[in-house]
Every structure is written in structure tokens, then in C-alpha cells.
Protein backbone atom coordinates (compact mmCIF):
# COMPACT_ATOMS: atom_id res chain seq x y z
CA MET A 1 12.02 -154.72 -14.66
CA LYS A 2 15.01 -157.06 -14.50
CA PRO A 3 13.34 -159.75 -12.30
CA ILE A 4 10.29 -159.74 -14.60
CA GLN A 5 12.48 -160.08 -17.67
CA THR A 6 14.38 -162.97 -16.06
CA LEU A 7 11.10 -164.78 -15.31
CA LEU A 8 9.77 -164.23 -18.84
CA GLU A 9 12.99 -165.51 -20.38
CA ASN A 10 12.42 -168.76 -18.48
CA ARG A 11 10.43 -170.59 -21.15
CA VAL A 12 8.94 -173.12 -18.72
CA PHE A 13 7.60 -170.36 -16.45
CA TYR A 14 6.40 -168.28 -19.40
CA PHE A 15 4.46 -171.04 -21.16
CA SER A 16 3.09 -172.43 -17.88
CA LEU A 17 1.70 -169.00 -17.00
CA ILE A 18 0.24 -168.24 -20.44
CA ILE A 19 -1.30 -171.67 -20.98
CA SER A 20 -2.74 -171.81 -17.44
CA ILE A 21 -4.52 -168.49 -17.97
CA ALA A 22 -5.72 -169.67 -21.40
CA PHE A 23 -7.16 -172.88 -19.94
CA TYR A 24 -9.02 -170.92 -17.26
CA PHE A 25 -10.77 -168.62 -19.71
CA ILE A 26 -11.64 -171.37 -22.22
CA LEU A 27 -12.99 -173.81 -19.63
CA TYR A 28 -14.95 -171.20 -17.65
CA GLN A 29 -18.65 -171.96 -18.29
CA ILE A 30 -17.84 -173.74 -21.57
CA ASN A 31 -21.04 -175.82 -21.54
CA VAL A 32 -23.31 -173.53 -19.54
CA GLU A 33 -25.18 -172.57 -22.72
CA ASP A 34 -26.73 -175.25 -24.91
CA LEU A 35 -25.70 -175.87 -28.51
CA TRP A 36 -27.20 -173.59 -31.15
CA TYR A 37 -28.36 -174.84 -34.54
CA ASP A 38 -25.02 -174.82 -36.40
CA GLU A 39 -23.38 -176.74 -33.54
CA ILE A 40 -26.26 -179.23 -33.55
CA SER A 41 -25.62 -179.70 -37.27
CA SER A 42 -21.90 -180.29 -36.59
CA PHE A 43 -22.83 -182.87 -33.96
CA TRP A 44 -25.16 -184.64 -36.42
CA VAL A 45 -22.66 -184.69 -39.31
CA ALA A 46 -19.86 -186.06 -37.10
CA ASP A 47 -21.84 -189.03 -35.74
CA PRO A 48 -19.14 -191.72 -35.21
CA ASN A 49 -21.72 -194.48 -35.72
CA MET A 50 -22.08 -193.49 -39.37
CA SER A 51 -19.77 -194.75 -42.15
CA PHE A 52 -17.49 -192.24 -43.85
CA GLN A 53 -19.78 -192.28 -46.91
CA GLU A 54 -22.80 -191.47 -44.72
CA THR A 55 -20.83 -188.68 -43.02
CA ASN A 56 -19.89 -187.33 -46.46
CA ASP A 57 -23.55 -187.41 -47.57
CA ARG A 58 -24.70 -185.64 -44.42
CA TRP A 59 -21.99 -183.02 -44.85
CA LEU A 60 -22.96 -182.29 -48.47
CA LYS A 61 -26.63 -181.97 -47.49
CA SER A 62 -26.24 -179.62 -44.56
CA GLU A 63 -22.90 -177.78 -44.45
CA ASN A 64 -21.26 -174.93 -46.35
CA THR A 65 -17.75 -175.42 -45.00
CA PRO A 66 -15.28 -178.13 -46.15
CA ILE A 67 -15.26 -181.51 -44.46
CA LEU A 68 -11.93 -181.68 -42.58
CA TYR A 69 -13.22 -180.26 -39.27
CA TYR A 70 -16.10 -182.74 -39.18
CA ILE A 71 -13.74 -185.67 -39.75
CA ILE A 72 -11.65 -184.51 -36.79
CA ILE A 73 -14.75 -184.25 -34.57
CA LYS A 74 -15.90 -187.68 -35.75
CA PHE A 75 -12.50 -189.14 -34.80
CA PHE A 76 -12.70 -187.39 -31.40
CA PHE A 77 -16.17 -188.85 -30.75
CA ASN A 78 -14.89 -192.29 -31.72
CA LEU A 79 -12.26 -192.03 -28.99
CA PHE A 80 -14.24 -190.36 -26.20
CA GLY A 81 -17.90 -191.08 -26.90
CA TYR A 82 -20.74 -189.43 -28.81
CA ASP A 83 -21.89 -186.78 -26.36
CA PRO A 84 -22.99 -183.16 -27.09
CA ASN A 85 -21.05 -181.99 -24.00
CA LEU A 86 -17.82 -183.09 -25.69
CA LEU A 87 -18.33 -181.13 -28.93
CA ARG A 88 -16.88 -177.88 -27.61
CA ILE A 89 -14.05 -179.69 -25.79
CA VAL A 90 -12.45 -180.35 -29.20
CA ASN A 91 -11.61 -176.66 -29.50
CA ILE A 92 -9.62 -176.49 -26.24
CA PRO A 93 -6.43 -178.07 -27.67
CA ILE A 94 -7.08 -176.15 -30.89
CA PHE A 95 -7.01 -172.85 -28.98
CA ILE A 96 -3.81 -173.85 -27.14
CA ILE A 97 -2.09 -174.87 -30.41
CA SER A 98 -3.21 -171.54 -31.91
CA LEU A 99 -1.57 -169.75 -28.98
CA ILE A 100 1.68 -171.71 -29.43
CA TYR A 101 1.89 -170.91 -33.15
CA PHE A 102 0.96 -167.30 -32.48
CA ASN A 103 3.97 -167.18 -30.15
CA SER A 104 6.11 -168.69 -32.90
CA ILE A 105 5.01 -165.95 -35.31
CA LEU A 106 5.71 -163.30 -32.66
CA SER A 107 9.27 -164.58 -32.20
CA LYS A 108 9.85 -164.36 -35.98
CA VAL A 109 8.66 -160.76 -36.03
CA SER A 110 10.74 -159.66 -33.00
CA LYS A 111 12.83 -161.27 -30.26
CA ASN A 112 11.68 -158.70 -27.70
CA ILE A 113 10.34 -160.78 -24.80
CA PHE A 114 7.99 -158.02 -23.59
CA PHE A 115 6.44 -157.77 -27.05
CA ILE A 116 5.85 -161.54 -27.13
CA PHE A 117 4.38 -161.59 -23.62
CA PHE A 118 2.19 -158.53 -24.17
CA ALA A 119 0.74 -159.86 -27.44
CA SER A 120 0.19 -163.31 -25.90
CA LEU A 121 -1.79 -161.82 -23.01
CA LEU A 122 -3.98 -159.86 -25.42
CA PHE A 123 -4.57 -163.11 -27.33
CA ILE A 124 -5.76 -165.08 -24.29
CA PHE A 125 -7.82 -162.15 -22.93
CA ASN A 126 -9.61 -161.62 -26.26
CA SER A 127 -13.32 -162.32 -25.79
CA PHE A 128 -13.91 -162.97 -29.51
CA LEU A 129 -11.28 -165.72 -29.72
CA ILE A 130 -12.45 -167.25 -26.43
CA ALA A 131 -16.09 -167.24 -27.62
CA TYR A 132 -15.18 -169.22 -30.74
CA ALA A 133 -12.94 -171.52 -28.74
CA GLN A 134 -16.12 -172.35 -26.79
CA GLU A 135 -18.20 -173.07 -29.88
CA GLY A 136 -18.38 -176.39 -31.72
CA ARG A 137 -17.83 -174.89 -35.15
CA VAL A 138 -14.94 -174.66 -37.58
CA PHE A 139 -13.77 -171.11 -36.95
CA MET A 140 -11.21 -171.63 -34.17
CA PHE A 141 -9.77 -174.54 -36.14
CA PHE A 142 -9.56 -172.23 -39.17
CA CYS A 143 -7.74 -169.65 -37.04
CA MET A 144 -5.26 -172.28 -35.85
CA LEU A 145 -4.42 -173.54 -39.36
CA SER A 146 -4.15 -169.95 -40.62
CA LEU A 147 -1.55 -169.15 -37.96
CA MET A 148 0.28 -172.41 -38.67
CA LEU A 149 0.46 -171.60 -42.38
CA ILE A 150 1.63 -168.02 -41.83
CA ASN A 151 4.28 -169.28 -39.40
CA GLN A 152 5.42 -171.91 -41.90
CA TYR A 153 5.72 -169.36 -44.71
CA MET A 154 7.78 -167.06 -42.48
CA LEU A 155 9.99 -170.01 -41.56
CA LEU A 156 10.62 -170.85 -45.22
CA ASN A 157 11.75 -167.28 -45.86
CA GLN A 158 14.72 -167.98 -43.59
CA PRO A 159 17.90 -169.59 -45.02
CA PHE A 160 18.42 -173.35 -44.51
CA LYS A 161 21.77 -175.10 -44.42
CA ASN A 162 20.39 -178.63 -44.17
CA ILE A 163 18.79 -179.66 -47.49
CA ALA A 164 16.86 -182.59 -45.98
CA TYR A 165 15.40 -180.30 -43.29
CA ALA A 166 14.41 -177.74 -45.96
CA LYS A 167 12.58 -180.44 -47.97
CA PHE A 168 10.75 -181.51 -44.84
CA GLN A 169 9.61 -177.93 -44.14
CA TYR A 170 8.43 -177.50 -47.73
CA SER A 171 6.37 -180.69 -47.41
CA ILE A 172 4.81 -179.25 -44.23
CA LEU A 173 3.82 -176.14 -46.22
CA PHE A 174 2.08 -178.33 -48.83
CA LEU A 175 0.14 -180.25 -46.14
CA LEU A 176 -0.85 -177.09 -44.25
CA THR A 177 -2.04 -175.41 -47.45
CA PHE A 178 -4.17 -178.43 -48.36
CA ALA A 179 -5.55 -178.69 -44.80
CA LEU A 180 -6.38 -174.97 -44.71
CA LEU A 181 -8.22 -175.15 -48.03
CA ASN A 182 -10.26 -178.08 -46.70
CA THR A 183 -11.23 -176.09 -43.60
CA PHE A 184 -12.82 -172.86 -44.84
CA ILE A 185 -13.23 -171.14 -48.20
CA PHE A 186 -11.79 -167.84 -46.91
CA SER A 187 -8.39 -169.58 -46.84
CA PHE A 188 -8.06 -168.29 -50.42
CA LEU A 189 -7.64 -164.79 -48.95
CA ILE A 190 -4.57 -165.85 -46.95
CA LEU A 191 -3.07 -167.86 -49.81
CA GLY A 192 -3.78 -165.05 -52.28
CA SER A 193 -2.06 -162.56 -49.96
CA ILE A 194 1.03 -164.81 -49.74
CA ILE A 195 1.13 -165.24 -53.53
CA PHE A 196 0.80 -161.47 -54.04
CA TYR A 197 3.54 -160.80 -51.48
CA GLU A 198 5.83 -163.44 -52.98
CA ILE A 199 5.50 -162.05 -56.51
CA PHE A 200 5.28 -158.29 -55.97
CA LEU A 201 6.57 -157.25 -52.53
CA LYS A 202 9.21 -159.73 -51.44
CA ILE A 203 12.65 -158.14 -51.16
CA ASN A 204 14.53 -161.31 -52.08
CA LYS A 205 13.94 -163.25 -55.29
CA ILE A 206 10.70 -165.14 -55.85
CA ASN A 207 10.62 -168.62 -54.34
CA TYR A 208 8.94 -170.64 -57.09
CA ILE A 209 8.89 -173.77 -54.93
CA ILE A 210 6.58 -172.00 -52.48
CA LEU A 211 4.29 -170.88 -55.32
CA VAL A 212 4.08 -174.43 -56.70
CA LEU A 213 3.38 -175.82 -53.22
CA ILE A 214 0.47 -173.38 -52.89
CA PHE A 215 -1.01 -173.78 -56.38
CA LEU A 216 -0.83 -177.60 -56.37
CA PRO A 217 -3.03 -178.02 -53.23
CA ILE A 218 -5.49 -175.51 -54.74
CA VAL A 219 -5.84 -177.67 -57.86
CA LEU A 220 -6.23 -180.83 -55.75
CA PHE A 221 -8.81 -179.12 -53.52
CA ILE A 222 -10.92 -178.10 -56.52
CA LEU A 223 -10.75 -181.58 -58.07
CA ILE A 224 -11.66 -183.36 -54.82
CA ASN A 225 -14.35 -180.90 -53.72
CA TYR A 226 -16.05 -180.09 -57.03
CA GLN A 227 -19.50 -181.18 -55.76
CA PHE A 228 -19.11 -179.15 -52.57
CA LEU A 229 -18.01 -176.10 -54.59
CA LEU A 230 -21.02 -176.49 -56.91
CA ASN A 231 -23.31 -176.60 -53.86
CA LEU A 232 -21.59 -173.55 -52.43
CA MET A 233 -22.16 -171.58 -55.65
CA LYS A 234 -25.89 -172.40 -55.50
CA PHE A 235 -26.20 -171.55 -51.81
CA ASN A 236 -28.35 -168.51 -51.03
CA SER A 237 -26.45 -166.73 -48.30
CA PRO A 238 -28.49 -165.05 -45.53
CA ILE A 239 -25.64 -162.52 -45.03
CA GLN A 240 -26.79 -158.92 -45.31
CA HIS A 241 -25.00 -156.14 -47.20
CA LEU A 242 -22.56 -154.18 -45.07
CA ASP A 243 -24.12 -151.04 -43.67
CA ILE A 244 -22.41 -147.71 -43.05
CA ASN A 245 -21.67 -148.61 -39.42
CA PHE A 246 -19.27 -151.32 -40.58
CA TYR A 247 -16.95 -148.69 -42.08
CA TYR A 248 -16.70 -146.94 -38.72
CA ASN A 249 -15.35 -149.97 -36.87
CA PHE A 250 -14.48 -152.80 -39.37
CA TYR A 251 -15.72 -155.41 -36.86
CA PHE A 252 -13.34 -154.11 -34.17
CA LYS A 253 -16.36 -153.78 -31.86
CA GLN A 254 -17.00 -157.53 -32.25
CA PHE A 255 -13.32 -158.47 -32.25
CA PHE A 256 -12.55 -156.70 -28.97
CA GLY A 257 -15.76 -157.07 -27.03
CA SER A 258 -17.47 -153.66 -26.99
CA LYS A 259 -17.85 -150.38 -28.85
CA ILE A 260 -15.34 -148.61 -26.56
CA MET A 261 -12.78 -151.44 -26.71
CA GLY A 262 -13.20 -151.66 -30.48
CA LEU A 263 -12.65 -147.92 -30.94
CA PHE A 264 -9.61 -148.02 -28.66
CA PHE A 265 -7.94 -150.85 -30.61
CA LEU A 266 -8.95 -149.39 -33.99
CA ILE A 267 -7.23 -146.09 -33.12
CA PHE A 268 -4.03 -147.92 -32.20
CA PHE A 269 -4.22 -150.04 -35.34
CA LEU A 270 -4.61 -146.95 -37.54
CA TRP A 271 -1.76 -145.32 -35.65
CA SER A 272 0.37 -148.41 -36.39
CA ILE A 273 -0.41 -148.15 -40.11
CA PHE A 274 0.57 -144.47 -40.05
CA TYR A 275 3.93 -145.22 -38.41
CA PHE A 276 4.55 -148.16 -40.73
CA ILE A 277 4.16 -145.89 -43.77
CA LYS A 278 5.86 -142.83 -42.26
CA LEU A 279 8.97 -144.67 -41.03
CA LYS A 280 9.13 -146.96 -44.10
CA ILE A 281 9.67 -149.97 -41.86
CA LYS A 282 11.48 -152.80 -43.65
CA ASN A 283 10.34 -155.73 -41.49
CA GLU A 284 9.14 -158.21 -44.14
CA ASN A 285 6.96 -160.18 -41.73
CA ILE A 286 5.13 -157.02 -40.65
CA THR A 287 4.57 -156.16 -44.32
CA LEU A 288 3.13 -159.62 -44.95
CA ILE A 289 0.77 -159.34 -41.98
CA PHE A 290 -0.49 -155.92 -43.08
CA LEU A 291 -1.10 -157.36 -46.55
CA ILE A 292 -3.10 -160.32 -45.22
CA ILE A 293 -5.26 -158.02 -43.10
CA PHE A 294 -5.82 -155.69 -46.07
CA PHE A 295 -6.89 -158.43 -48.51
CA SER A 296 -9.06 -160.10 -45.84
CA TYR A 297 -11.23 -156.97 -45.80
CA PHE A 298 -10.80 -155.63 -49.33
CA VAL A 299 -11.59 -158.73 -51.40
CA PRO A 300 -14.85 -159.75 -49.61
CA ILE A 301 -16.06 -156.11 -49.57
CA ILE A 302 -15.48 -155.73 -53.33
CA TYR A 303 -17.00 -159.16 -54.03
CA GLY A 304 -20.05 -158.28 -51.95
CA PHE A 305 -20.43 -154.98 -53.78
CA PHE A 306 -20.48 -156.55 -57.27
CA PHE A 307 -22.02 -159.98 -56.50
CA THR A 308 -23.41 -161.13 -53.15
CA PRO A 309 -22.39 -160.22 -49.58
CA VAL A 310 -20.03 -162.78 -48.06
CA LEU A 311 -18.23 -161.03 -45.20
CA GLN A 312 -18.89 -161.82 -41.53
CA ASP A 313 -16.65 -161.20 -38.53
CA LYS A 314 -16.09 -164.91 -37.78
CA TYR A 315 -15.08 -165.63 -41.38
CA ILE A 316 -11.89 -163.60 -40.88
CA ILE A 317 -11.23 -164.68 -37.28
CA TYR A 318 -7.52 -165.08 -38.08
CA VAL A 319 -7.10 -161.31 -38.48
CA VAL A 320 -7.73 -160.83 -34.74
CA PRO A 321 -4.35 -162.30 -33.65
CA LEU A 322 -2.68 -160.45 -36.54
CA ILE A 323 -4.19 -157.12 -35.43
CA ILE A 324 -3.08 -157.86 -31.86
CA LEU A 325 0.44 -158.56 -33.17
CA ILE A 326 0.59 -155.29 -35.13
CA ILE A 327 -0.65 -153.14 -32.25
CA SER A 328 1.66 -154.85 -29.73
CA TYR A 329 4.66 -154.52 -32.05
CA PHE A 330 4.30 -150.78 -32.56
CA ILE A 331 3.47 -150.01 -28.92
CA ILE A 332 6.50 -151.92 -27.63
CA HIS A 333 8.97 -150.76 -30.29
CA TYR A 334 7.92 -147.17 -31.00
CA PHE A 335 6.91 -145.70 -27.64
CA SER A 336 9.28 -144.41 -25.02
CA VAL A 337 9.92 -146.82 -22.13
CA ARG A 338 7.83 -144.81 -19.67
CA LYS A 339 4.83 -144.43 -22.00
CA ASN A 340 5.32 -148.00 -23.10
CA ASN A 341 5.01 -149.43 -19.57
CA MET A 342 1.98 -147.31 -18.70
CA LEU A 343 0.17 -148.11 -21.94
CA VAL A 344 0.92 -151.84 -21.79
CA GLY A 345 -0.37 -152.04 -18.21
CA PHE A 346 -3.49 -150.08 -19.10
CA ILE A 347 -4.33 -152.21 -22.18
CA ILE A 348 -3.76 -155.47 -20.31
CA LEU A 349 -5.97 -154.28 -17.44
CA LEU A 350 -8.66 -153.11 -19.86
CA SER A 351 -8.66 -156.40 -21.84
CA LEU A 352 -8.66 -158.54 -18.71
CA SER A 353 -11.46 -156.49 -17.13
CA ASN A 354 -13.53 -156.78 -20.31
CA GLN A 355 -13.25 -160.58 -20.30
CA LEU A 356 -13.90 -160.91 -16.56
CA PHE A 357 -16.96 -158.69 -16.93
CA LYS A 358 -18.28 -160.92 -19.73
CA ASN A 359 -17.74 -163.96 -17.51
CA TYR A 360 -19.55 -162.28 -14.63
CA LYS A 361 -22.40 -161.00 -16.78
CA SER A 362 -22.97 -164.42 -18.42
CA ASP A 363 -25.48 -163.25 -21.04
CA ILE A 364 -27.63 -165.97 -22.61
CA ASN A 365 -26.98 -166.06 -26.35
CA LYS A 366 -27.87 -169.64 -27.20
CA PRO A 367 -31.11 -171.64 -26.89
CA MET A 368 -32.16 -172.89 -23.44
CA PHE A 369 -33.03 -176.48 -24.34
CA LYS A 370 -31.97 -177.95 -20.98
CA SER A 371 -34.23 -175.51 -19.13
CA ALA A 372 -37.14 -176.73 -21.24
CA ILE A 373 -36.26 -180.37 -20.48
CA GLU A 374 -36.01 -179.61 -16.76
CA LYS A 375 -39.50 -178.10 -16.99
CA VAL A 376 -40.72 -181.30 -18.69
CA ILE A 377 -39.28 -183.38 -15.83
CA LYS A 378 -40.90 -181.10 -13.26
CA ILE A 379 -44.35 -181.31 -14.88
CA ASN A 380 -43.94 -185.11 -15.16
CA LYS A 381 -47.11 -185.72 -17.18
CA SER A 382 -45.44 -187.41 -20.12
CA LYS A 383 -41.98 -188.73 -21.01
CA LEU A 384 -42.38 -188.20 -24.75
CA ILE A 385 -40.65 -185.22 -26.41
CA TYR A 386 -40.95 -184.13 -30.02
CA ALA A 387 -38.30 -181.56 -31.07
CA SER A 388 -38.74 -179.21 -34.03
CA TYR A 389 -37.08 -176.22 -35.62
CA SER A 390 -39.32 -173.16 -36.13
CA ASP A 391 -42.36 -174.02 -38.27
CA ASN A 392 -42.07 -177.80 -37.79
CA LYS A 393 -42.03 -178.48 -41.56
CA ASN A 394 -38.36 -179.24 -42.25
CA GLU A 395 -37.94 -182.91 -41.35
CA HIS A 396 -34.22 -182.85 -42.15
CA VAL A 397 -33.59 -180.11 -39.60
CA ASN A 398 -35.97 -181.70 -37.10
CA SER A 399 -34.02 -184.96 -37.29
CA GLN A 400 -30.82 -183.06 -36.42
CA LEU A 401 -32.51 -181.61 -33.33
CA GLN A 402 -33.96 -184.97 -32.34
CA ASN A 403 -30.50 -186.56 -32.66
CA TYR A 404 -29.09 -183.89 -30.34
CA PHE A 405 -31.83 -184.36 -27.73
CA LYS A 406 -31.51 -188.14 -27.85
CA HIS A 407 -27.86 -187.92 -26.75
CA LEU A 408 -28.31 -185.38 -23.95
CA SER A 409 -27.43 -186.87 -20.56
CA LEU A 410 -30.44 -185.10 -19.00
CA VAL A 411 -32.74 -187.00 -21.36
CA ARG A 412 -31.06 -190.37 -20.83
CA ILE A 413 -30.86 -190.14 -17.03
CA ASN A 414 -34.57 -189.30 -16.72
CA ASN A 415 -35.68 -191.98 -19.21
CA LEU A 416 -37.29 -189.49 -21.56
CA SER A 417 -38.08 -190.57 -25.12
CA ILE A 418 -37.36 -188.44 -28.19
CA ILE A 419 -40.01 -189.23 -30.80
CA LYS A 420 -39.98 -188.58 -34.56
CA LYS A 421 -43.75 -188.04 -34.74
CA PRO A 422 -46.54 -187.76 -32.17
CA LEU A 423 -47.82 -191.07 -30.88
CA ASN A 424 -51.27 -191.93 -29.56
CA ASN A 425 -50.38 -190.36 -26.24
CA ASN A 426 -49.68 -187.05 -24.48
CA PHE A 427 -46.38 -185.45 -25.49
CA PHE A 428 -44.25 -182.33 -25.21
CA LEU A 429 -43.12 -180.23 -28.16
CA ILE A 430 -39.82 -178.34 -27.74
CA CYS A 431 -39.71 -175.80 -30.54
CA TYR A 432 -36.53 -173.90 -31.43
CA ASP A 433 -37.00 -170.40 -32.88
CA SER A 434 -33.55 -168.90 -33.40
CA SER A 435 -35.04 -165.46 -34.05
CA ASN A 436 -36.31 -165.41 -30.45
CA THR A 437 -39.61 -163.96 -31.71
CA TYR A 438 -41.51 -167.27 -31.24
CA ASN A 439 -43.53 -166.34 -34.33
CA PHE A 440 -43.01 -169.64 -36.12
CA CYS A 441 -43.37 -171.79 -33.02
CA SER A 442 -46.64 -170.16 -32.02
CA LYS A 443 -48.10 -169.92 -35.52
CA ASN A 444 -51.12 -172.22 -35.94
CA LYS A 445 -50.04 -174.23 -32.91
CA GLU A 446 -53.58 -175.53 -32.51
CA LEU A 447 -53.52 -176.90 -36.06
CA LYS A 448 -50.12 -178.56 -35.97
CA PHE A 449 -51.28 -181.81 -34.44
CA SER A 450 -54.80 -182.94 -35.24
CA GLY A 451 -56.32 -185.01 -32.47
CA TYR A 452 -54.37 -183.16 -29.76
CA GLN A 453 -55.12 -180.07 -27.70
CA LEU A 454 -52.61 -177.64 -26.22
CA SER A 455 -52.73 -177.60 -22.42
CA HIS A 456 -49.60 -175.69 -21.46
CA GLU A 457 -46.79 -173.57 -22.88
CA THR A 458 -43.63 -172.03 -21.41
CA ARG A 459 -41.14 -169.73 -23.10
CA PHE A 460 -37.36 -169.73 -22.72
CA TYR A 461 -34.66 -167.94 -24.71
CA GLN A 462 -35.15 -169.09 -28.35
CA VAL A 463 -37.19 -172.07 -27.12
CA ILE A 464 -40.89 -172.58 -26.46
CA LEU A 465 -42.24 -175.66 -24.68
CA PHE A 466 -45.74 -176.92 -25.51
CA HIS A 467 -47.60 -179.73 -23.75
CA TYR A 468 -50.21 -181.53 -25.81
CA ASN A 469 -52.93 -183.87 -24.51
CA LYS A 470 -54.68 -186.48 -26.59
CA LYS A 471 -58.27 -185.39 -27.21
């Protein structure tokens, strides 16, 4: 064990190894699947050719998450070009920064190098985190800022000798709180947990500066985003009520990649809670993490019971690294060395195998637009494509799809034209039915376009391709 410990204590070797593995899993097949609707909406909102006011208007019309993430994507597109293939690339540095701050939190919880390495490996092997690192949506960014805020709060609970440095760190807390609020509405769960901990559970005296630096950004967020918050209150959520199966796994199946993996990690998490209570462990950072996990489940469940369901697995993505931390901490610190080594090796092998299997299996979960376009090129009867979402009636959504198609390299290279309405010519219709039932796409297809007749149709995952001839 001594040579391994020596290597891990070499920070250059350690970070090079961890980050190299992380890059491999994030980049592997990152753009094999096409964008799904929410990503297409992100791409449309963040158009760098639009003014900030136009971006703001698009955001208010189409999104139910705060604007910060879209501004960052817009800035990225300004630098590197407006291309759908770049949308998911934004999340690569976000995932790496998340990993770095996760390591920082780990080192504040314990200095044990094996604990830090073990938890870091589980982080980069986690299929749920990797999946959202490969999706052009806000959730990985939300996870990153959540970890940054938790790390900053833990840092401020340590004594400072340099007053100027302390002021600087407090200002960082203010900025992180404001950024987190402007990323996702579930940030209130994390901030509420910290406020509760600060007032009721903290061993040392209450730090009123921290409370002020949390409440002030909340007030500013509400004042700046009042229109967004009004829209959010009117939004009819498609989220279903939690069924009984949820209470058997608490999303651990989704978080860890399968029913067996989820059950395995849930058992260890419950075992960690048992030992935490039984041994009356006084580690304040562990207490804080348990509290954040608890409120992240409890508050949305209660809210959904009395009002409307709001909880989805991706909305509390930040609990995944926290659960990994808790499990790793108790396995490393409360098992005998022999059991510890065997269990750590087994869990690492299991997590790695699960991710490699997912890579090998390569299930299609997103619409196959490029396959439809390749079919259009192969048929070669017309270069006109009309794109629609489901029943073809929502022009706002159709324009988002048409914007996406217009910027696809496959479309540009083959000189295809994306049209807003059928012209006096033959054309293809690429219809996106996210339900994968094709009910809306196929419904009254003969009546959709008067003056045209359907000559051909081909089905792909969530996509159906029609070819229409002018009568």
C-alpha cells in the first residue's frame, strides 16, 4: 500500500490521473446522439447573433430555468461559433471544475488520501453525472455551482488570521449565492439547508455575516427576476406525482445506473446514516451534507403532496456527489483495513463496469435527426426540408427546430434548405415526436398540406420522415 499512497500524495500524478479518466468518459460519444427538444431550445435561446434583449425575450418565452446558463452558452458561441455540435462541449470544463471542487470538499471533510481518491473515482465513474455532462442543459452547471457554494461555506467556517483575505472569501460567497440562484430554482434547497444549519445545528456561534450574504442575493434575485418568477408560478408542470416505487429507491436507481447498483448504494447510504446516529459523529461538514440531502428530498416531496409535484432526479443532481462522499467517508473510516480494501476494490470495479457497459451498449435515447437527413440525401429527390414538432401546429417550437436544422453541418455541406413553410415544390417533412409513438406525426398527415400528396415515409427513433410531392 505504501507505493500507492506515495503516488496518490503526489498531487500532479493524482490530478493528472483523475482528470484524464474524467475527460475520457465525458468525451466518449458525446455527440453521437442528436440534441433533444430542451437542448434545441437552449441552442435557440443562446443564439450569439441576437442582442441581449432578444435573448432575454426568447428566454422568458421558452425556458423555466434562470438565464445565467444561457448567457454563458451565448458567450461561448460568440467565441467558437454557433454550431449545435459545440453546445455539449460547454459542459466539459464544467464537469472538470465540479470534480476539482468536489475534491476540495473531500479534503475539508477528511485528509485521508484513500478516501479522497475513492470518492473521486466514484464521481468520474458515475453514469448519471456523465450523462448530464454530455447534455446541453443547465443541470451540470447547477451541480458545479452547488459544490462551489458548499465548499465556500465550509471554508468560511474555518478561522482566518488575515482580515483582507476573509473579506475576499465572504465576497466570493455572495457572488456564488447570487450565481446559484440565477441558475436553478432548487438552489433554495441548498441555501435553506445552510441557513437552518447555521441557526440551529452549528456548534460555534451563528455567523450573521454569512446569513446576510445569503439573504441579500435572494432579495436581489427576486427583484431582478420578478417576471421570470411570475411565469414560473403560472407554468403547468408535466411532472407526475411520485409513485410508491420512488420510496423504495429515492432515485438511487437513476443516480447509479441500474436497479442493482441503486439498491447497493442505497443500502450503504442507509448504513452510513445508522452509523452517523449510533456513533454520534461530531464532524460538522458531514452533518451539513446529511442536512442538505435530507432537505433536498423532504421539501419537494412535501410541496408536491400539498400543491403540485416538482421533484425530478435531475433537479437534485448535486446530491449525487454528496451521497458518494457520505458512502466513501464511512466505508474508509469505519471498516477494518482488510474489509475496507476488498469493498473499495469491489465498488470501484462495479462502478467502472457499469459505465463501460453503458458505453458499449450505446442505447439511443435522443431523436435521430441526422439519420433522417442522411435518408433525405440518399433519396435525393428534393433539397427542401420542413421541420416540425409533433402536430405541426406550434410555430414557436417549429422555429426552434428549424433553427437547429439550419445550423447542422450535414445540412450545410449538402446544400439542403430548411424552409418555414412548404413552397410550390416537392419537400421533406422531418417530424419530431418525443413520445416515440408517432401518433401526432402520423395524425391526418394527408390533410396537413393541401395540394401535396405523401409518397414516402420512414421512421427513426422519435423522428418520422415524410416525402411530399406537389400534386
